[in-house]
């Protein structure tokens, strides 16, 4: 079993890349198919996959397969170290335009059916973004 200091080091290694931080920002709002993440971040599939694998190995993300799709989510936040860490990250991401723009692109991609996975959560509207209308407004 890995000791607590080594696990904490692994968490921070996982956070030491802006692409992985952007992925975690999206996962804070719920489980996503890998293609949702790829579209929202405007990154290649292989790049997103590499970062997701790294986040899984560092203990920050988990996945599950459903047919040919792989869905990603945050690692169990009941873990005593992860719950406050994810709470801190949510606060930091909220005030940053790069992270908010990622959420807007994710919402648009899902609304337009880019991945055709039904969303189960909603994205908070970033400051200065007009609310959208329609049956899926406010849902991502």
N, C-alpha and C. Protein backbone atom coordinates (compact mmCIF):
# COMPACT_ATOMS: atom_id res chain seq x y z
N UNK A 1 0.84 -1.18 0.00
CA UNK A 1 0.00 0.00 0.00
C UNK A 1 0.89 1.25 0.00
N UNK A 2 0.48 2.23 -0.77
CA UNK A 2 1.23 3.47 -0.90
C UNK A 2 1.01 4.34 0.34
N UNK A 3 2.07 4.96 0.84
CA UNK A 3 1.91 5.79 2.03
C UNK A 3 1.27 7.12 1.67
N UNK A 4 0.77 7.82 2.67
CA UNK A 4 0.01 9.07 2.46
C UNK A 4 0.85 10.16 1.79
N UNK A 5 2.13 10.27 2.18
CA UNK A 5 2.99 11.29 1.58
C UNK A 5 3.19 11.01 0.09
N UNK A 6 3.39 9.75 -0.27
CA UNK A 6 3.57 9.39 -1.67
C UNK A 6 2.29 9.63 -2.45
N UNK A 7 1.13 9.37 -1.84
CA UNK A 7 -0.14 9.62 -2.53
C UNK A 7 -0.36 11.10 -2.75
N UNK A 8 -0.03 11.92 -1.76
CA UNK A 8 -0.15 13.37 -1.91
C UNK A 8 0.76 13.86 -3.03
N UNK A 9 1.98 13.32 -3.09
CA UNK A 9 2.89 13.68 -4.17
C UNK A 9 2.28 13.30 -5.52
N UNK A 10 1.64 12.15 -5.61
CA UNK A 10 1.01 11.71 -6.86
C UNK A 10 -0.11 12.67 -7.27
N UNK A 11 -0.91 13.12 -6.31
CA UNK A 11 -1.98 14.08 -6.62
C UNK A 11 -1.40 15.35 -7.24
N UNK A 12 -0.34 15.86 -6.64
CA UNK A 12 0.23 17.10 -7.14
C UNK A 12 0.94 16.91 -8.48
N UNK A 13 1.50 15.75 -8.72
CA UNK A 13 2.05 15.46 -10.04
C UNK A 13 0.93 15.47 -11.08
N UNK A 14 -0.21 14.93 -10.70
CA UNK A 14 -1.36 14.93 -11.60
C UNK A 14 -1.86 16.32 -11.92
N UNK A 15 -1.69 17.25 -10.98
CA UNK A 15 -2.15 18.62 -11.17
C UNK A 15 -1.13 19.51 -11.89
N UNK A 16 0.04 18.99 -12.16
CA UNK A 16 1.15 19.79 -12.67
C UNK A 16 1.14 19.98 -14.18
N UNK A 17 -0.05 20.06 -14.77
CA UNK A 17 -0.15 20.27 -16.21
C UNK A 17 -1.46 20.98 -16.49
N UNK A 18 -1.44 22.02 -17.29
CA UNK A 18 -2.65 22.79 -17.55
C UNK A 18 -3.72 21.95 -18.26
N UNK A 19 -3.34 21.04 -19.13
CA UNK A 19 -4.33 20.19 -19.81
C UNK A 19 -5.05 19.30 -18.80
N UNK A 20 -4.32 18.74 -17.85
CA UNK A 20 -4.96 17.91 -16.83
C UNK A 20 -5.84 18.74 -15.92
N UNK A 21 -5.45 19.96 -15.63
CA UNK A 21 -6.30 20.85 -14.83
C UNK A 21 -7.59 21.16 -15.59
N UNK A 22 -7.49 21.38 -16.88
CA UNK A 22 -8.69 21.67 -17.68
C UNK A 22 -9.62 20.45 -17.71
N UNK A 23 -9.05 19.26 -17.78
CA UNK A 23 -9.87 18.04 -17.74
C UNK A 23 -10.56 17.92 -16.39
N UNK A 24 -9.84 18.13 -15.32
CA UNK A 24 -10.44 18.05 -13.98
C UNK A 24 -11.56 19.08 -13.83
N UNK A 25 -11.38 20.26 -14.40
CA UNK A 25 -12.42 21.28 -14.36
C UNK A 25 -13.73 20.74 -14.94
N UNK A 26 -13.65 20.04 -16.05
CA UNK A 26 -14.86 19.48 -16.67
C UNK A 26 -15.43 18.35 -15.81
N UNK A 27 -14.57 17.51 -15.27
CA UNK A 27 -15.03 16.36 -14.49
C UNK A 27 -15.63 16.77 -13.15
N UNK A 28 -15.34 17.97 -12.68
CA UNK A 28 -15.95 18.44 -11.43
C UNK A 28 -17.46 18.50 -11.53
N UNK A 29 -17.98 18.59 -12.74
CA UNK A 29 -19.43 18.71 -12.94
C UNK A 29 -20.10 17.41 -13.31
N UNK A 30 -19.34 16.33 -13.41
CA UNK A 30 -19.96 15.04 -13.66
C UNK A 30 -19.17 14.16 -14.62
N UNK A 31 -19.66 12.96 -14.78
CA UNK A 31 -19.03 11.97 -15.64
C UNK A 31 -19.16 12.39 -17.10
N UNK A 32 -18.09 12.16 -17.86
CA UNK A 32 -18.08 12.52 -19.28
C UNK A 32 -17.47 11.42 -20.12
N UNK A 33 -17.96 11.31 -21.33
CA UNK A 33 -17.33 10.45 -22.33
C UNK A 33 -16.04 11.14 -22.77
N UNK A 34 -15.03 10.35 -23.10
CA UNK A 34 -13.77 10.92 -23.55
C UNK A 34 -13.92 11.85 -24.73
N UNK A 35 -14.87 11.57 -25.62
CA UNK A 35 -15.04 12.44 -26.78
C UNK A 35 -15.60 13.81 -26.38
N UNK A 36 -16.41 13.87 -25.31
CA UNK A 36 -16.88 15.16 -24.80
C UNK A 36 -15.70 16.02 -24.38
N UNK A 37 -14.77 15.42 -23.69
CA UNK A 37 -13.59 16.14 -23.20
C UNK A 37 -12.75 16.61 -24.38
N UNK A 38 -12.56 15.73 -25.34
CA UNK A 38 -11.77 16.06 -26.53
C UNK A 38 -12.35 17.27 -27.24
N UNK A 39 -13.64 17.30 -27.45
CA UNK A 39 -14.29 18.40 -28.16
C UNK A 39 -14.23 19.69 -27.35
N UNK A 40 -14.52 19.60 -26.07
CA UNK A 40 -14.54 20.81 -25.23
C UNK A 40 -13.16 21.45 -25.13
N UNK A 41 -12.12 20.65 -25.08
CA UNK A 41 -10.77 21.19 -24.92
C UNK A 41 -10.06 21.42 -26.24
N UNK A 42 -10.72 21.02 -27.33
CA UNK A 42 -10.15 21.17 -28.67
C UNK A 42 -8.76 20.54 -28.75
N UNK A 43 -8.69 19.30 -28.25
CA UNK A 43 -7.44 18.54 -28.23
C UNK A 43 -7.65 17.24 -29.01
N UNK A 44 -6.56 16.63 -29.42
CA UNK A 44 -6.66 15.36 -30.13
C UNK A 44 -7.07 14.25 -29.16
N UNK A 45 -7.63 13.20 -29.72
CA UNK A 45 -8.05 12.06 -28.91
C UNK A 45 -6.87 11.46 -28.17
N UNK A 46 -5.74 11.33 -28.85
CA UNK A 46 -4.58 10.71 -28.21
C UNK A 46 -4.04 11.57 -27.06
N UNK A 47 -4.07 12.87 -27.20
CA UNK A 47 -3.60 13.76 -26.14
C UNK A 47 -4.53 13.69 -24.93
N UNK A 48 -5.83 13.73 -25.17
CA UNK A 48 -6.80 13.62 -24.07
C UNK A 48 -6.65 12.28 -23.38
N UNK A 49 -6.53 11.22 -24.15
CA UNK A 49 -6.38 9.88 -23.59
C UNK A 49 -5.14 9.78 -22.71
N UNK A 50 -4.05 10.34 -23.18
CA UNK A 50 -2.79 10.30 -22.41
C UNK A 50 -2.96 11.02 -21.07
N UNK A 51 -3.59 12.19 -21.08
CA UNK A 51 -3.78 12.94 -19.84
C UNK A 51 -4.77 12.24 -18.90
N UNK A 52 -5.82 11.65 -19.46
CA UNK A 52 -6.78 10.92 -18.62
C UNK A 52 -6.12 9.71 -17.97
N UNK A 53 -5.30 9.01 -18.72
CA UNK A 53 -4.57 7.87 -18.17
C UNK A 53 -3.66 8.32 -17.03
N UNK A 54 -2.99 9.43 -17.22
CA UNK A 54 -2.12 9.97 -16.17
C UNK A 54 -2.94 10.31 -14.92
N UNK A 55 -4.09 10.97 -15.11
CA UNK A 55 -4.94 11.32 -13.96
C UNK A 55 -5.43 10.07 -13.24
N UNK A 56 -5.72 9.01 -13.98
CA UNK A 56 -6.14 7.75 -13.36
C UNK A 56 -4.99 7.16 -12.54
N UNK A 57 -3.81 7.13 -13.11
CA UNK A 57 -2.65 6.55 -12.40
C UNK A 57 -2.27 7.35 -11.16
N UNK A 58 -2.54 8.64 -11.16
CA UNK A 58 -2.22 9.49 -10.01
C UNK A 58 -3.34 9.47 -8.96
N UNK A 59 -4.43 8.75 -9.24
CA UNK A 59 -5.51 8.62 -8.27
C UNK A 59 -6.52 9.74 -8.28
N UNK A 60 -6.54 10.56 -9.35
CA UNK A 60 -7.46 11.70 -9.40
C UNK A 60 -8.71 11.44 -10.24
N UNK A 61 -8.68 10.45 -11.11
CA UNK A 61 -9.81 10.15 -11.98
C UNK A 61 -10.04 8.65 -12.02
N UNK A 62 -11.23 8.29 -12.45
CA UNK A 62 -11.60 6.88 -12.62
C UNK A 62 -12.36 6.76 -13.93
N UNK A 63 -12.50 5.55 -14.43
CA UNK A 63 -13.24 5.35 -15.67
C UNK A 63 -14.10 4.11 -15.61
N UNK A 64 -14.99 4.01 -16.60
CA UNK A 64 -15.80 2.81 -16.79
C UNK A 64 -16.11 2.70 -18.27
N UNK A 65 -16.22 1.46 -18.72
CA UNK A 65 -16.55 1.20 -20.12
C UNK A 65 -18.03 0.90 -20.25
N UNK A 66 -18.59 1.42 -21.34
CA UNK A 66 -19.96 1.11 -21.71
C UNK A 66 -19.96 0.93 -23.22
N UNK A 67 -19.93 -0.32 -23.65
CA UNK A 67 -19.78 -0.59 -25.07
C UNK A 67 -18.41 -0.13 -25.53
N UNK A 68 -18.39 0.66 -26.61
CA UNK A 68 -17.11 1.15 -27.11
C UNK A 68 -16.72 2.49 -26.51
N UNK A 69 -17.55 3.05 -25.67
CA UNK A 69 -17.25 4.34 -25.03
C UNK A 69 -16.61 4.13 -23.66
N UNK A 70 -15.77 5.10 -23.31
CA UNK A 70 -15.17 5.11 -21.98
C UNK A 70 -15.61 6.40 -21.31
N UNK A 71 -16.16 6.28 -20.12
CA UNK A 71 -16.65 7.42 -19.36
C UNK A 71 -15.68 7.69 -18.21
N UNK A 72 -15.42 8.96 -17.98
CA UNK A 72 -14.47 9.36 -16.95
C UNK A 72 -15.18 10.20 -15.89
N UNK A 73 -14.69 10.08 -14.67
CA UNK A 73 -15.23 10.85 -13.54
C UNK A 73 -14.08 11.10 -12.57
N UNK A 74 -14.34 11.98 -11.63
CA UNK A 74 -13.36 12.20 -10.57
C UNK A 74 -13.25 10.94 -9.74
N UNK A 75 -12.09 10.71 -9.17
CA UNK A 75 -11.91 9.60 -8.23
C UNK A 75 -12.82 9.84 -7.03
N UNK A 76 -13.04 8.82 -6.27
CA UNK A 76 -13.95 8.89 -5.13
C UNK A 76 -13.60 10.05 -4.21
N UNK A 77 -14.48 11.05 -4.16
CA UNK A 77 -14.20 12.23 -3.33
C UNK A 77 -14.50 11.98 -1.86
N UNK A 78 -14.96 10.78 -1.51
CA UNK A 78 -15.12 10.44 -0.10
C UNK A 78 -13.75 10.27 0.55
N UNK A 79 -12.74 10.09 -0.30
CA UNK A 79 -11.36 10.01 0.18
C UNK A 79 -11.04 11.31 0.92
N UNK A 80 -10.49 11.21 2.11
CA UNK A 80 -10.28 12.38 2.95
C UNK A 80 -9.37 13.43 2.32
N UNK A 81 -8.42 13.03 1.47
CA UNK A 81 -7.57 14.02 0.83
C UNK A 81 -8.21 14.65 -0.39
N UNK A 82 -9.04 13.91 -1.11
CA UNK A 82 -9.57 14.41 -2.37
C UNK A 82 -10.72 15.39 -2.21
N UNK A 83 -11.59 15.20 -1.26
CA UNK A 83 -12.74 16.08 -1.14
C UNK A 83 -12.33 17.54 -0.98
N UNK A 84 -11.44 17.88 -0.05
CA UNK A 84 -11.04 19.30 0.04
C UNK A 84 -10.22 19.76 -1.16
N UNK A 85 -9.46 18.86 -1.76
CA UNK A 85 -8.68 19.22 -2.94
C UNK A 85 -9.60 19.59 -4.09
N UNK A 86 -10.61 18.78 -4.35
CA UNK A 86 -11.55 19.08 -5.42
C UNK A 86 -12.35 20.34 -5.12
N UNK A 87 -12.69 20.57 -3.87
CA UNK A 87 -13.38 21.80 -3.50
C UNK A 87 -12.52 23.03 -3.77
N UNK A 88 -11.25 22.94 -3.42
CA UNK A 88 -10.32 24.04 -3.69
C UNK A 88 -10.23 24.30 -5.19
N UNK A 89 -10.06 23.24 -5.98
CA UNK A 89 -9.94 23.40 -7.42
C UNK A 89 -11.18 24.03 -8.03
N UNK A 90 -12.35 23.63 -7.56
CA UNK A 90 -13.60 24.21 -8.08
C UNK A 90 -13.59 25.73 -7.87
N UNK A 91 -13.17 26.17 -6.70
CA UNK A 91 -13.12 27.61 -6.42
C UNK A 91 -12.12 28.34 -7.30
N UNK A 92 -10.97 27.74 -7.52
CA UNK A 92 -9.94 28.36 -8.36
C UNK A 92 -10.41 28.42 -9.81
N UNK A 93 -10.99 27.35 -10.30
CA UNK A 93 -11.42 27.29 -11.70
C UNK A 93 -12.54 28.28 -11.99
N UNK A 94 -13.40 28.52 -11.02
CA UNK A 94 -14.57 29.38 -11.22
C UNK A 94 -14.17 30.78 -11.65
N UNK A 95 -13.09 31.30 -11.15
CA UNK A 95 -12.70 32.67 -11.47
C UNK A 95 -11.79 32.80 -12.67
N UNK A 96 -11.53 31.72 -13.40
CA UNK A 96 -10.57 31.75 -14.49
C UNK A 96 -11.27 31.60 -15.83
N UNK A 97 -11.04 32.54 -16.74
CA UNK A 97 -11.74 32.55 -18.02
C UNK A 97 -11.43 31.33 -18.88
N UNK A 98 -10.21 30.82 -18.86
CA UNK A 98 -9.86 29.63 -19.66
C UNK A 98 -10.75 28.45 -19.26
N UNK A 99 -10.88 28.22 -17.96
CA UNK A 99 -11.69 27.11 -17.49
C UNK A 99 -13.17 27.33 -17.77
N UNK A 100 -13.63 28.55 -17.66
CA UNK A 100 -15.03 28.85 -17.95
C UNK A 100 -15.32 28.67 -19.44
N UNK A 101 -14.39 29.07 -20.30
CA UNK A 101 -14.57 28.88 -21.74
C UNK A 101 -14.67 27.40 -22.09
N UNK A 102 -13.89 26.55 -21.41
CA UNK A 102 -13.98 25.11 -21.63
C UNK A 102 -15.38 24.60 -21.32
N UNK A 103 -15.97 25.10 -20.24
CA UNK A 103 -17.32 24.67 -19.86
C UNK A 103 -18.35 25.12 -20.90
N UNK A 104 -18.17 26.31 -21.44
CA UNK A 104 -19.08 26.81 -22.47
C UNK A 104 -18.98 25.93 -23.72
N UNK A 105 -17.74 25.58 -24.13
CA UNK A 105 -17.57 24.71 -25.31
C UNK A 105 -18.16 23.32 -25.06
N UNK A 106 -18.01 22.82 -23.84
CA UNK A 106 -18.59 21.51 -23.51
C UNK A 106 -20.11 21.56 -23.62
N UNK A 107 -20.69 22.60 -23.06
CA UNK A 107 -22.15 22.75 -23.14
C UNK A 107 -22.62 22.80 -24.58
N UNK A 108 -21.92 23.57 -25.42
CA UNK A 108 -22.30 23.70 -26.83
C UNK A 108 -22.15 22.36 -27.55
N UNK A 109 -21.06 21.66 -27.31
CA UNK A 109 -20.82 20.37 -27.97
C UNK A 109 -21.90 19.37 -27.61
N UNK A 110 -22.28 19.32 -26.36
CA UNK A 110 -23.32 18.37 -25.95
C UNK A 110 -24.68 18.79 -26.50
N UNK A 111 -24.97 20.08 -26.46
CA UNK A 111 -26.25 20.58 -26.97
C UNK A 111 -26.38 20.26 -28.46
N UNK A 112 -25.28 20.36 -29.19
CA UNK A 112 -25.29 20.10 -30.64
C UNK A 112 -25.19 18.61 -30.96
N UNK A 113 -25.07 17.77 -29.94
CA UNK A 113 -25.06 16.33 -30.14
C UNK A 113 -23.75 15.78 -30.65
N UNK A 114 -22.65 16.46 -30.34
CA UNK A 114 -21.35 16.02 -30.84
C UNK A 114 -21.04 14.59 -30.43
N UNK A 115 -21.39 14.21 -29.22
CA UNK A 115 -21.08 12.87 -28.74
C UNK A 115 -22.34 12.02 -28.59
N UNK A 116 -23.47 12.65 -28.50
CA UNK A 116 -24.76 12.00 -28.34
C UNK A 116 -24.89 11.23 -27.02
N UNK A 117 -24.17 11.66 -26.01
CA UNK A 117 -24.31 11.08 -24.68
C UNK A 117 -25.22 12.00 -23.90
N UNK A 118 -26.23 11.44 -23.25
CA UNK A 118 -27.16 12.26 -22.51
C UNK A 118 -26.52 12.81 -21.25
N UNK A 119 -26.55 14.13 -21.07
CA UNK A 119 -25.95 14.73 -19.88
C UNK A 119 -26.79 14.49 -18.64
N UNK A 120 -26.12 14.51 -17.50
CA UNK A 120 -26.82 14.33 -16.23
C UNK A 120 -26.54 15.47 -15.27
N UNK A 121 -25.94 16.55 -15.75
CA UNK A 121 -25.58 17.65 -14.88
C UNK A 121 -25.64 18.95 -15.64
N UNK A 122 -25.57 20.06 -14.95
CA UNK A 122 -25.59 21.36 -15.61
C UNK A 122 -24.35 22.15 -15.26
N UNK A 123 -23.96 22.99 -16.18
CA UNK A 123 -22.78 23.83 -16.00
C UNK A 123 -23.23 25.19 -15.50
N UNK A 124 -22.59 25.72 -14.46
CA UNK A 124 -22.93 27.06 -14.02
C UNK A 124 -22.53 28.07 -15.09
N UNK A 125 -23.34 29.09 -15.30
CA UNK A 125 -23.04 30.09 -16.31
C UNK A 125 -21.88 30.97 -15.86
N UNK A 126 -20.82 31.06 -16.68
CA UNK A 126 -19.72 31.95 -16.33
C UNK A 126 -20.18 33.41 -16.39
N UNK A 127 -19.52 34.24 -15.65
CA UNK A 127 -19.84 35.66 -15.64
C UNK A 127 -19.68 36.22 -17.04
N UNK A 128 -20.69 36.97 -17.49
CA UNK A 128 -20.62 37.61 -18.79
C UNK A 128 -21.10 36.76 -19.94
N UNK A 129 -21.57 35.53 -19.69
CA UNK A 129 -22.09 34.68 -20.75
C UNK A 129 -23.60 34.72 -20.70
N UNK A 130 -24.22 35.03 -21.83
CA UNK A 130 -25.67 35.11 -21.87
C UNK A 130 -26.27 33.72 -21.78
N UNK A 131 -27.40 33.63 -21.10
CA UNK A 131 -28.10 32.37 -20.96
C UNK A 131 -28.64 31.93 -22.31
N UNK A 132 -28.65 30.66 -22.55
CA UNK A 132 -29.17 30.11 -23.80
C UNK A 132 -30.61 29.68 -23.60
N UNK A 133 -31.33 29.68 -24.70
CA UNK A 133 -32.72 29.23 -24.62
C UNK A 133 -32.85 27.89 -25.30
N UNK A 134 -33.99 27.25 -25.10
CA UNK A 134 -34.22 25.98 -25.74
C UNK A 134 -34.39 24.88 -24.71
N UNK A 135 -34.76 23.68 -25.16
CA UNK A 135 -35.06 22.59 -24.23
C UNK A 135 -33.88 22.12 -23.41
N UNK A 136 -32.66 22.35 -23.89
CA UNK A 136 -31.48 21.89 -23.14
C UNK A 136 -30.70 23.05 -22.54
N UNK A 137 -31.32 24.24 -22.48
CA UNK A 137 -30.62 25.41 -21.95
C UNK A 137 -30.16 25.13 -20.52
N UNK A 138 -28.94 25.49 -20.25
CA UNK A 138 -28.40 25.32 -18.91
C UNK A 138 -27.99 23.91 -18.57
N UNK A 139 -28.18 22.97 -19.52
CA UNK A 139 -27.82 21.58 -19.24
C UNK A 139 -26.59 21.21 -20.02
N UNK A 140 -25.74 20.51 -19.39
CA UNK A 140 -24.57 19.96 -20.07
C UNK A 140 -24.43 18.53 -19.64
